[in-house]
Amino acid sequence: MDDGETPTDELLARALAKSAASPPRREWDTEGQWRRLRARIAADEAMDGRVVRRPDAGNASRRRWLVAAAVAVVAIGGFVTARHAAAPSVLTVSTTTGQRRSLQLDDGTRVTLGPASSLRVTLSRRARRVELTGLAQFRVTHDGTRPFVVRARETETSDLGTVFTVRAFPDDEAVLVGVTEGRVSLHARGDSLALTAGQSGRADTAGVHRTPLSATSLDGWAVGRLTFRDAPIAEVARDLSRWFGADVRVDERLTSRRVSGSYSSPELGSVLAAMARAAGARVDHAGGAYVLRPDRSGGAR
C-alpha cells in the first residue's frame, strides 16, 4: 500500500461509525452487501499487487467510490428499516353464524366480535381505525395521541376513554352505539352526538340522536345474554339466526309485532317459545327452518 494512504478497512470503519447506534435492521441484506463490497475491494487490491503503478488521482478516486458505496449500503438499509417500522399493522377478523370471538389488539384494546360479523383493524403511529360490519364490543386502551375510531357504514364512533358496543348489520335500519363506561362521540352525515356511560345513540336517515335503549340491552350478548327491548319481531328473528346458526323466519302477518325479553343462558327452543307467546304466534319447524306464524287458535292479535 502506498505511503500516506489511509487503509481501506479504516475508511470503511469510519463510514460505518455513524450507524453504530441505529436499531437492528430487518428485511435488508446488509451483510450480503458487505460481502460483495469487500470482494470488490479484495479484487482491486490483488490487481494493485500485480501491476506496479504510481499513486494517482484515479486510484484515490476508486477508493473514495468504495467508501461512498459503503455509506450508501448503510443509508439504504436504515431507510428500509425506518419504512418498515412506520408501516401500519392491519388485522382482519370475522365470525360465522353462531360464533363469537374475543381478541386483544397490539395496543391493548380488547374486542369481542359478535356472530356473523367482521372487522378490519389498522394500527399506526398516529391513529387506530376499525371498519366494522355486524356487532362488536370494544374495551379501548385510551391513547390521547392516537384516537380509536370505529367506522360502521356511514358512521364513525370515536373513543374518549371507554367501553362501548357498536351494532351495524347490513340489514339493520340504523347503526346503534351503546356506552358501558366512559364517553364516545358518534358522527354521521355531518351530525355528531356525545354519549356517556349508560346512554345509547342511533344513526339513521333522520340523523344522529339518543335513544331510550339502555346500553345494557346492547352489550349483554358479549357475556352470553340475549336482551330485546320492544324490538321488531323480524329483527329478533334475524338475531336468533345469527346467534344460533339457525334459519328463523317470521310470517309477514306478524312483522308489525314487537317483543321484549332477556335470557341469561339462551336456548333456541325456549326463546322461540317465549317469542311465540308474546306475539300470539306458533312455531312451525319444517325443512330445517323455524317459522313464526299467527296462532291457529286465536289468530294474530
Protein backbone atom coordinates (compact mmCIF):
# COMPACT_ATOMS: atom_id res chain seq x y z
CA MET A 1 0.00 0.00 0.00
CA ASP A 2 1.31 3.47 -0.86
CA ASP A 3 2.62 5.66 1.93
CA GLY A 4 0.18 8.28 3.08
CA GLU A 5 -2.97 6.37 2.08
CA THR A 6 -5.48 5.53 4.75
CA PRO A 7 -6.08 1.73 4.92
CA THR A 8 -9.31 0.63 3.28
CA ASP A 9 -10.60 -1.13 6.41
CA GLU A 10 -10.13 2.10 8.37
CA LEU A 11 -12.08 4.07 5.77
CA LEU A 12 -14.87 1.53 5.92
CA ALA A 13 -14.90 1.69 9.70
CA ARG A 14 -15.27 5.46 9.56
CA ALA A 15 -18.11 5.16 7.10
CA LEU A 16 -19.93 2.85 9.49
CA ALA A 17 -19.32 4.89 12.61
CA LYS A 18 -22.49 6.96 12.28
CA SER A 19 -24.69 3.89 12.05
CA ALA A 20 -23.41 2.26 15.26
CA ALA A 21 -26.40 3.49 17.31
CA SER A 22 -29.01 2.54 14.71
CA PRO A 23 -31.71 -0.01 15.68
CA PRO A 24 -31.37 -3.59 14.38
CA ARG A 25 -32.17 -3.76 10.70
CA ARG A 26 -34.79 -6.05 9.27
CA GLU A 27 -35.64 -7.18 5.76
CA TRP A 28 -32.40 -5.74 4.29
CA ASP A 29 -29.43 -7.95 3.38
CA THR A 30 -26.75 -5.63 4.77
CA GLU A 31 -24.31 -8.48 5.43
CA GLY A 32 -24.66 -9.67 1.87
CA GLN A 33 -23.95 -6.16 0.59
CA TRP A 34 -20.81 -6.03 2.72
CA ARG A 35 -19.56 -9.38 1.43
CA ARG A 36 -19.92 -8.24 -2.17
CA LEU A 37 -18.26 -4.90 -1.43
CA ARG A 38 -15.28 -6.48 0.36
CA ALA A 39 -14.87 -8.93 -2.51
CA ARG A 40 -14.63 -5.95 -4.86
CA ILE A 41 -12.04 -4.33 -2.60
CA ALA A 42 -10.00 -7.56 -2.43
CA ALA A 43 -10.05 -7.87 -6.20
CA ASP A 44 -8.81 -4.30 -6.61
CA GLU A 45 -6.03 -4.86 -4.07
CA ALA A 46 -4.96 -8.07 -5.85
CA MET A 47 -4.73 -6.16 -9.09
CA ASP A 48 -2.63 -3.48 -7.37
CA GLY A 49 -0.21 -6.24 -6.28
CA ARG A 50 0.32 -7.46 -9.87
CA VAL A 51 0.62 -4.06 -11.53
CA VAL A 52 3.13 -1.52 -10.25
CA ARG A 53 1.68 1.93 -10.59
CA ARG A 54 2.23 5.32 -9.13
CA PRO A 55 -0.36 6.79 -6.80
CA ASP A 56 -2.63 8.84 -8.93
CA ALA A 57 -6.00 10.55 -8.79
CA GLY A 58 -7.75 7.56 -10.38
CA ASN A 59 -6.66 5.19 -7.61
CA ALA A 60 -7.74 7.61 -4.89
CA SER A 61 -11.00 8.20 -6.72
CA ARG A 62 -11.70 4.48 -6.86
CA ARG A 63 -11.17 4.15 -3.11
CA ARG A 64 -13.41 7.14 -2.42
CA TRP A 65 -16.07 5.43 -4.54
CA LEU A 66 -15.81 2.24 -2.47
CA VAL A 67 -16.22 4.18 0.77
CA ALA A 68 -19.20 6.06 -0.71
CA ALA A 69 -20.74 2.73 -1.66
CA ALA A 70 -20.33 1.55 1.94
CA VAL A 71 -22.10 4.64 3.19
CA ALA A 72 -24.91 4.03 0.66
CA VAL A 73 -25.39 0.47 1.89
CA VAL A 74 -25.77 1.70 5.46
CA ALA A 75 -28.06 4.57 4.49
CA ILE A 76 -30.36 2.47 2.31
CA GLY A 77 -30.55 -0.25 4.97
CA GLY A 78 -31.55 2.35 7.56
CA PHE A 79 -34.16 3.81 5.19
CA VAL A 80 -35.80 0.43 4.65
CA THR A 81 -35.79 -0.21 8.40
CA ALA A 82 -37.45 3.15 9.05
CA ARG A 83 -40.13 2.48 6.46
CA HIS A 84 -40.80 -0.94 7.95
CA ALA A 85 -41.14 0.49 11.45
CA ALA A 86 -43.55 3.18 10.24
CA ALA A 87 -45.77 0.83 8.26
CA PRO A 88 -49.22 0.33 9.86
CA SER A 89 -50.29 -3.11 11.06
CA VAL A 90 -53.53 -4.46 9.59
CA LEU A 91 -55.69 -7.23 11.04
CA THR A 92 -58.88 -8.71 9.55
CA VAL A 93 -61.14 -10.92 11.68
CA SER A 94 -64.58 -12.43 11.02
CA THR A 95 -67.08 -14.79 12.61
CA THR A 96 -69.74 -17.11 11.24
CA THR A 97 -73.31 -17.53 12.46
CA GLY A 98 -73.41 -18.98 15.95
CA GLN A 99 -69.84 -17.85 16.67
CA ARG A 100 -68.34 -15.18 18.90
CA ARG A 101 -64.68 -14.29 19.10
CA SER A 102 -62.54 -12.33 21.56
CA LEU A 103 -59.16 -10.85 20.76
CA GLN A 104 -56.64 -8.35 22.08
CA LEU A 105 -55.13 -5.80 19.71
CA ASP A 106 -51.49 -4.73 19.77
CA ASP A 107 -52.39 -1.52 21.62
CA GLY A 108 -54.03 -3.48 24.47
CA THR A 109 -57.64 -2.88 23.33
CA ARG A 110 -59.91 -5.88 23.78
CA VAL A 111 -62.60 -6.68 21.20
CA THR A 112 -65.48 -9.13 21.40
CA LEU A 113 -66.87 -9.80 17.94
CA GLY A 114 -70.46 -10.94 17.62
CA PRO A 115 -71.80 -13.65 15.31
CA ALA A 116 -71.83 -13.17 11.52
CA SER A 117 -69.61 -10.09 11.88
CA SER A 118 -66.29 -8.86 10.55
CA LEU A 119 -63.80 -6.13 11.32
CA ARG A 120 -60.63 -4.74 9.82
CA VAL A 121 -58.20 -3.07 12.22
CA THR A 122 -55.45 -0.67 11.14
CA LEU A 123 -52.99 0.50 13.79
CA SER A 124 -50.33 3.10 13.03
CA ARG A 125 -48.21 5.56 14.98
CA ARG A 126 -50.80 8.30 14.56
CA ALA A 127 -54.20 6.58 14.53
CA ARG A 128 -56.20 3.44 15.28
CA ARG A 129 -59.05 2.69 12.89
CA VAL A 130 -61.57 -0.14 12.74
CA GLU A 131 -64.03 -0.94 9.97
CA LEU A 132 -66.95 -2.98 11.33
CA THR A 133 -69.77 -4.93 9.76
CA GLY A 134 -72.04 -6.54 12.34
CA LEU A 135 -71.67 -6.42 16.11
CA ALA A 136 -68.69 -5.77 18.38
CA GLN A 137 -67.83 -4.56 21.85
CA PHE A 138 -64.64 -2.54 22.38
CA ARG A 139 -62.70 -2.13 25.63
CA VAL A 140 -60.34 0.55 24.45
CA THR A 141 -56.94 1.29 25.89
CA HIS A 142 -57.05 5.06 25.74
CA ASP A 143 -54.26 6.94 23.98
CA GLY A 144 -54.66 10.70 23.69
CA THR A 145 -52.17 10.85 20.81
CA ARG A 146 -53.89 8.13 18.75
CA PRO A 147 -57.69 8.29 18.50
CA PHE A 148 -59.54 4.97 18.33
CA VAL A 149 -62.21 5.28 15.62
CA VAL A 150 -64.78 2.67 14.61
CA ARG A 151 -66.30 3.14 11.18
CA ALA A 152 -69.59 1.31 10.51
CA ARG A 153 -71.45 2.09 7.31
CA GLU A 154 -71.73 5.90 7.23
CA THR A 155 -70.93 6.45 10.91
CA GLU A 156 -67.79 6.97 12.95
CA THR A 157 -67.58 6.38 16.69
CA SER A 158 -64.57 7.95 18.39
CA ASP A 159 -63.33 6.69 21.74
CA LEU A 160 -62.81 9.16 24.54
CA GLY A 161 -61.66 6.51 27.03
CA THR A 162 -64.40 3.92 27.28
CA VAL A 163 -66.14 0.57 26.80
CA PHE A 164 -68.77 0.66 24.08
CA THR A 165 -70.74 -1.53 21.69
CA VAL A 166 -71.49 -0.89 18.02
CA ARG A 167 -74.22 -2.69 16.10
CA ALA A 168 -74.24 -2.24 12.30
CA PHE A 169 -75.54 -5.26 10.43
CA PRO A 170 -76.27 -4.64 6.73
CA ASP A 171 -79.98 -5.43 7.18
CA ASP A 172 -80.47 -3.17 10.22
CA GLU A 173 -82.34 0.09 9.75
CA ALA A 174 -79.80 2.03 11.80
CA VAL A 175 -76.40 1.91 13.44
CA LEU A 176 -76.67 1.61 17.22
CA VAL A 177 -73.99 2.58 19.74
CA GLY A 178 -74.22 1.86 23.48
CA VAL A 179 -71.71 3.12 26.05
CA THR A 180 -70.95 0.97 29.08
CA GLU A 181 -68.10 3.05 30.51
CA GLY A 182 -66.62 6.45 29.71
CA ARG A 183 -67.64 8.55 26.71
CA VAL A 184 -67.78 8.33 22.92
CA SER A 185 -68.53 10.72 20.11
CA LEU A 186 -70.85 9.45 17.37
CA HIS A 187 -70.62 11.08 13.92
CA ALA A 188 -72.78 10.58 10.81
CA ARG A 189 -73.62 12.76 7.79
CA GLY A 190 -72.22 15.90 9.36
CA ASP A 191 -74.02 15.43 12.71
CA SER A 192 -72.34 14.46 15.96
CA LEU A 193 -73.51 13.30 19.37
CA ALA A 194 -71.65 12.81 22.66
CA LEU A 195 -72.68 9.72 24.64
CA THR A 196 -71.75 8.86 28.22
CA ALA A 197 -71.99 5.69 30.30
CA GLY A 198 -75.45 4.12 30.18
CA GLN A 199 -76.53 6.04 27.08
CA SER A 200 -77.22 4.79 23.57
CA GLY A 201 -77.27 6.56 20.24
CA ARG A 202 -78.79 5.83 16.86
CA ALA A 203 -77.67 6.94 13.41
CA ASP A 204 -80.18 6.58 10.59
CA THR A 205 -81.52 8.55 7.63
CA ALA A 206 -83.03 11.10 10.03
CA GLY A 207 -79.65 11.89 11.58
CA VAL A 208 -77.96 11.14 14.88
CA HIS A 209 -79.89 11.12 18.15
CA ARG A 210 -80.10 9.50 21.56
CA THR A 211 -82.41 6.55 22.11
CA PRO A 212 -84.20 5.24 25.21
CA LEU A 213 -82.49 1.93 24.58
CA SER A 214 -80.21 1.12 27.51
CA ALA A 215 -76.56 0.32 26.91
CA THR A 216 -77.11 -2.92 28.86
CA SER A 217 -79.52 -4.22 26.23
CA LEU A 218 -76.80 -3.71 23.60
CA ASP A 219 -73.81 -5.21 25.39
CA GLY A 220 -75.30 -8.22 27.21
CA TRP A 221 -74.57 -10.54 24.29
CA ALA A 222 -70.84 -10.16 24.95
CA VAL A 223 -71.23 -12.17 28.17
CA GLY A 224 -73.79 -14.62 26.78
CA ARG A 225 -77.04 -12.77 27.49
CA LEU A 226 -79.70 -12.04 24.85
CA THR A 227 -81.80 -8.97 25.53
CA PHE A 228 -84.58 -7.44 23.42
CA ARG A 229 -86.42 -4.25 24.36
CA ASP A 230 -89.53 -3.55 22.33
CA ALA A 231 -87.75 -4.87 19.24
CA PRO A 232 -89.43 -5.70 15.90
CA ILE A 233 -90.01 -9.42 15.81
CA ALA A 234 -88.39 -9.71 12.38
CA GLU A 235 -85.19 -8.15 13.76
CA VAL A 236 -85.22 -10.55 16.69
CA ALA A 237 -85.60 -13.47 14.28
CA ARG A 238 -82.51 -12.32 12.38
CA ASP A 239 -80.58 -12.06 15.65
CA LEU A 240 -81.59 -15.58 16.63
CA SER A 241 -80.47 -16.85 13.23
CA ARG A 242 -77.04 -15.27 13.76
CA TRP A 243 -76.76 -16.32 17.39
CA PHE A 244 -77.73 -19.97 17.00
CA GLY A 245 -76.74 -20.57 13.37
CA ALA A 246 -80.37 -21.44 12.62
CA ASP A 247 -82.88 -20.37 9.98
CA VAL A 248 -85.54 -18.37 11.87
CA ARG A 249 -88.26 -16.65 9.85
CA VAL A 250 -91.38 -14.62 10.56
CA ASP A 251 -94.67 -14.75 8.68
CA GLU A 252 -95.34 -11.38 7.05
CA ARG A 253 -98.61 -11.12 9.01
CA LEU A 254 -96.53 -10.77 12.20
CA THR A 255 -93.90 -8.27 11.04
CA SER A 256 -95.55 -5.36 12.89
CA ARG A 257 -95.28 -7.16 16.25
CA ARG A 258 -92.65 -6.10 18.79
CA VAL A 259 -91.28 -8.24 21.60
CA SER A 260 -89.18 -7.88 24.76
CA GLY A 261 -87.21 -10.40 26.75
CA SER A 262 -83.91 -11.17 28.44
CA TYR A 263 -82.25 -14.60 28.53
CA SER A 264 -79.08 -15.29 30.53
CA SER A 265 -78.45 -18.78 29.17
CA PRO A 266 -80.45 -18.76 25.95
CA GLU A 267 -81.57 -21.89 24.15
CA LEU A 268 -83.24 -21.59 20.77
CA GLY A 269 -86.32 -23.63 21.69
CA SER A 270 -87.12 -21.69 24.85
CA VAL A 271 -86.51 -18.29 23.23
CA LEU A 272 -88.75 -19.16 20.27
CA ALA A 273 -91.48 -20.38 22.61
CA ALA A 274 -91.35 -17.14 24.62
CA MET A 275 -91.44 -15.05 21.43
CA ALA A 276 -94.42 -17.01 20.14
CA ARG A 277 -96.39 -16.45 23.35
CA ALA A 278 -95.60 -12.72 23.34
CA ALA A 279 -96.60 -12.31 19.70
CA GLY A 280 -99.66 -14.55 19.70
CA ALA A 281 -97.94 -16.92 17.31
CA ARG A 282 -96.92 -20.52 16.91
CA VAL A 283 -93.64 -22.00 15.75
CA ASP A 284 -93.57 -24.39 12.80
CA HIS A 285 -90.43 -26.38 12.10
CA ALA A 286 -90.13 -27.69 8.58
CA GLY A 287 -87.37 -28.06 6.03
CA GLY A 288 -84.73 -27.01 8.55
CA ALA A 289 -86.37 -23.62 9.18
CA TYR A 290 -88.25 -22.26 12.19
CA VAL A 291 -91.20 -20.11 11.11
CA LEU A 292 -93.33 -17.99 13.43
CA ARG A 293 -96.90 -17.83 12.14
CA PRO A 294 -100.17 -16.47 13.56
CA ASP A 295 -101.62 -18.85 16.17
CA ARG A 296 -104.44 -21.01 14.70
CA SER A 297 -106.41 -20.96 17.93
CA GLY A 298 -106.65 -17.20 18.37
CA GLY A 299 -105.23 -15.80 15.15
CA ALA A 300 -102.93 -12.80 15.05
CA ARG A 301 -103.59 -10.34 17.82
